[in-house]
Amino acid sequence: MASLIPFSVDMVESVVRTIKVSILLIGANDPQYPRAHQALDLFKQHVPNFEVTLIDGPHHLHMTHVDKVVERIEQYFDKYLKQTPTRMIINSKL
């Protein structure tokens, strides 16, 4: 079956190499698209502060496992917001 993402591995890698921000990926152990897990090593290799949490559950974890997802997001924010200068948080568009 052809990939749903019309990019070569080299194209994806060149984009991933440019990422300089912290990333939290929360995904399912048994994802809807199994090829998604293939990208994890690429992100781990090239993205500083890349964190991944895999949870047993369906594709829509944010709806079926709300407590687990929220807890992990809070841990992530607690860790990385402490490292972010206050002026960056105040000036952000979040």
C-alpha atoms as a PDB file:
ATOM      1  CA  MET A   1       0.000   0.000   0.000  1.00  0.00           C
ATOM      2  CA  ALA A   2       1.291   3.445  -0.852  1.00  0.00           C
ATOM      3  CA  SER A   3       2.048   5.874   1.907  1.00  0.00           C
ATOM      4  CA  LEU A   4      -0.664   8.326   2.903  1.00  0.00           C
ATOM      5  CA  ILE A   5       2.092  10.913   3.275  1.00  0.00           C
ATOM      6  CA  PRO A   6       3.446  11.827  -0.171  1.00  0.00           C
ATOM      7  CA  PHE A   7       6.978  12.624   1.019  1.00  0.00           C
ATOM      8  CA  SER A   8      10.191  10.665   0.789  1.00  0.00           C
ATOM      9  CA  VAL A   9      12.118   9.740   3.926  1.00  0.00           C
ATOM     10  CA  ASP A  10      14.808  12.254   2.923  1.00  0.00           C
ATOM     11  CA  MET A  11      12.236  15.041   2.615  1.00  0.00           C
ATOM     12  CA  VAL A  12      10.763  14.284   6.032  1.00  0.00           C
ATOM     13  CA  GLU A  13      14.206  14.046   7.618  1.00  0.00           C
ATOM     14  CA  SER A  14      15.269  17.417   6.189  1.00  0.00           C
ATOM     15  CA  VAL A  15      12.204  19.057   7.748  1.00  0.00           C
ATOM     16  CA  VAL A  16      12.585  17.257  11.084  1.00  0.00           C
ATOM     17  CA  ARG A  17      16.226  18.403  11.332  1.00  0.00           C
ATOM     18  CA  THR A  18      15.050  22.034  11.390  1.00  0.00           C
ATOM     19  CA  ILE A  19      12.848  21.589  14.485  1.00  0.00           C
ATOM     20  CA  LYS A  20      14.360  23.296  17.525  1.00  0.00           C
ATOM     21  CA  VAL A  21      11.438  23.279  19.972  1.00  0.00           C
ATOM     22  CA  SER A  22      10.457  20.711  22.572  1.00  0.00           C
ATOM     23  CA  ILE A  23       7.857  18.222  21.372  1.00  0.00           C
ATOM     24  CA  LEU A  24       5.545  15.902  23.273  1.00  0.00           C
ATOM     25  CA  LEU A  25       3.928  13.176  21.211  1.00  0.00           C
ATOM     26  CA  ILE A  26       1.130  11.220  22.845  1.00  0.00           C
ATOM     27  CA  GLY A  27       0.057   8.252  20.799  1.00  0.00           C
ATOM     28  CA  ALA A  28      -1.551   4.853  20.889  1.00  0.00           C
ATOM     29  CA  ASN A  29       0.503   1.689  21.319  1.00  0.00           C
ATOM     30  CA  ASP A  30      -1.591   0.224  18.519  1.00  0.00           C
ATOM     31  CA  PRO A  31      -1.998   3.236  16.200  1.00  0.00           C
ATOM     32  CA  GLN A  32      -4.572   3.600  13.466  1.00  0.00           C
ATOM     33  CA  TYR A  33      -1.675   4.126  11.047  1.00  0.00           C
ATOM     34  CA  PRO A  34       1.148   1.756  12.090  1.00  0.00           C
ATOM     35  CA  ARG A  35       3.681   3.564   9.902  1.00  0.00           C
ATOM     36  CA  ALA A  36       3.422   6.506  12.282  1.00  0.00           C
ATOM     37  CA  HIS A  37       5.690   4.707  14.751  1.00  0.00           C
ATOM     38  CA  GLN A  38       8.431   4.571  12.117  1.00  0.00           C
ATOM     39  CA  ALA A  39       8.923   8.313  12.489  1.00  0.00           C
ATOM     40  CA  LEU A  40       9.641   8.094  16.223  1.00  0.00           C
ATOM     41  CA  ASP A  41      13.306   7.172  15.784  1.00  0.00           C
ATOM     42  CA  LEU A  42      13.770  10.031  13.340  1.00  0.00           C
ATOM     43  CA  PHE A  43      12.344  12.529  15.818  1.00  0.00           C
ATOM     44  CA  LYS A  44      14.335  11.036  18.718  1.00  0.00           C
ATOM     45  CA  GLN A  45      17.511  11.380  16.659  1.00  0.00           C
ATOM     46  CA  HIS A  46      17.093  14.943  15.453  1.00  0.00           C
ATOM     47  CA  VAL A  47      14.745  16.863  17.755  1.00  0.00           C
ATOM     48  CA  PRO A  48      16.086  18.154  21.063  1.00  0.00           C
ATOM     49  CA  ASN A  49      13.772  17.431  23.981  1.00  0.00           C
ATOM     50  CA  PHE A  50      11.513  15.101  22.013  1.00  0.00           C
ATOM     51  CA  GLU A  51       9.351  13.061  24.347  1.00  0.00           C
ATOM     52  CA  VAL A  52       6.935  10.302  23.455  1.00  0.00           C
ATOM     53  CA  THR A  53       4.254   8.655  25.556  1.00  0.00           C
ATOM     54  CA  LEU A  54       2.419   5.645  24.177  1.00  0.00           C
ATOM     55  CA  ILE A  55      -0.840   4.637  25.831  1.00  0.00           C
ATOM     56  CA  ASP A  56      -2.862   1.465  25.385  1.00  0.00           C
ATOM     57  CA  GLY A  57      -6.008   2.581  23.637  1.00  0.00           C
ATOM     58  CA  PRO A  58      -7.576   3.639  20.340  1.00  0.00           C
ATOM     59  CA  HIS A  59      -6.633   6.450  17.987  1.00  0.00           C
ATOM     60  CA  HIS A  60      -8.686   9.068  19.864  1.00  0.00           C
ATOM     61  CA  LEU A  61      -6.823   8.818  23.186  1.00  0.00           C
ATOM     62  CA  HIS A  62      -7.671  12.395  24.084  1.00  0.00           C
ATOM     63  CA  MET A  63     -11.350  11.378  24.216  1.00  0.00           C
ATOM     64  CA  THR A  64     -11.114   7.875  25.693  1.00  0.00           C
ATOM     65  CA  HIS A  65      -8.212   8.289  28.145  1.00  0.00           C
ATOM     66  CA  VAL A  66      -8.637  11.920  29.152  1.00  0.00           C
ATOM     67  CA  ASP A  67      -7.060  11.603  32.611  1.00  0.00           C
ATOM     68  CA  LYS A  68      -3.893   9.913  31.321  1.00  0.00           C
ATOM     69  CA  VAL A  69      -3.476  12.407  28.491  1.00  0.00           C
ATOM     70  CA  VAL A  70      -4.049  15.447  30.714  1.00  0.00           C
ATOM     71  CA  GLU A  71      -1.661  14.124  33.361  1.00  0.00           C
ATOM     72  CA  ARG A  72       1.096  13.662  30.777  1.00  0.00           C
ATOM     73  CA  ILE A  73       0.548  17.104  29.264  1.00  0.00           C
ATOM     74  CA  GLU A  74       0.702  18.695  32.721  1.00  0.00           C
ATOM     75  CA  GLN A  75       3.997  16.887  33.445  1.00  0.00           C
ATOM     76  CA  TYR A  76       5.397  18.125  30.154  1.00  0.00           C
ATOM     77  CA  PHE A  77       4.336  21.729  30.745  1.00  0.00           C
ATOM     78  CA  ASP A  78       5.684  21.661  34.292  1.00  0.00           C
ATOM     79  CA  LYS A  79       9.036  20.488  32.964  1.00  0.00           C
ATOM     80  CA  TYR A  80       9.443  22.807  29.974  1.00  0.00           C
ATOM     81  CA  LEU A  81       7.619  25.967  31.035  1.00  0.00           C
ATOM     82  CA  LYS A  82      10.036  26.259  33.952  1.00  0.00           C
ATOM     83  CA  GLN A  83      12.840  26.403  31.376  1.00  0.00           C
ATOM     84  CA  THR A  84      11.146  29.107  29.286  1.00  0.00           C
ATOM     85  CA  PRO A  85      11.886  32.753  30.096  1.00  0.00           C
ATOM     86  CA  THR A  86       8.779  34.530  31.420  1.00  0.00           C
ATOM     87  CA  ARG A  87       8.925  37.178  28.687  1.00  0.00           C
ATOM     88  CA  MET A  88       8.584  34.457  26.033  1.00  0.00           C
ATOM     89  CA  ILE A  89       5.471  33.074  27.728  1.00  0.00           C
ATOM     90  CA  ILE A  90       3.902  36.528  28.106  1.00  0.00           C
ATOM     91  CA  ASN A  91       4.649  37.443  24.480  1.00  0.00           C
ATOM     92  CA  SER A  92       3.445  34.136  23.059  1.00  0.00           C
ATOM     93  CA  LYS A  93       0.215  33.949  21.113  1.00  0.00           C
ATOM     94  CA  LEU A  94      -1.061  30.990  23.143  1.00  0.00           C
END
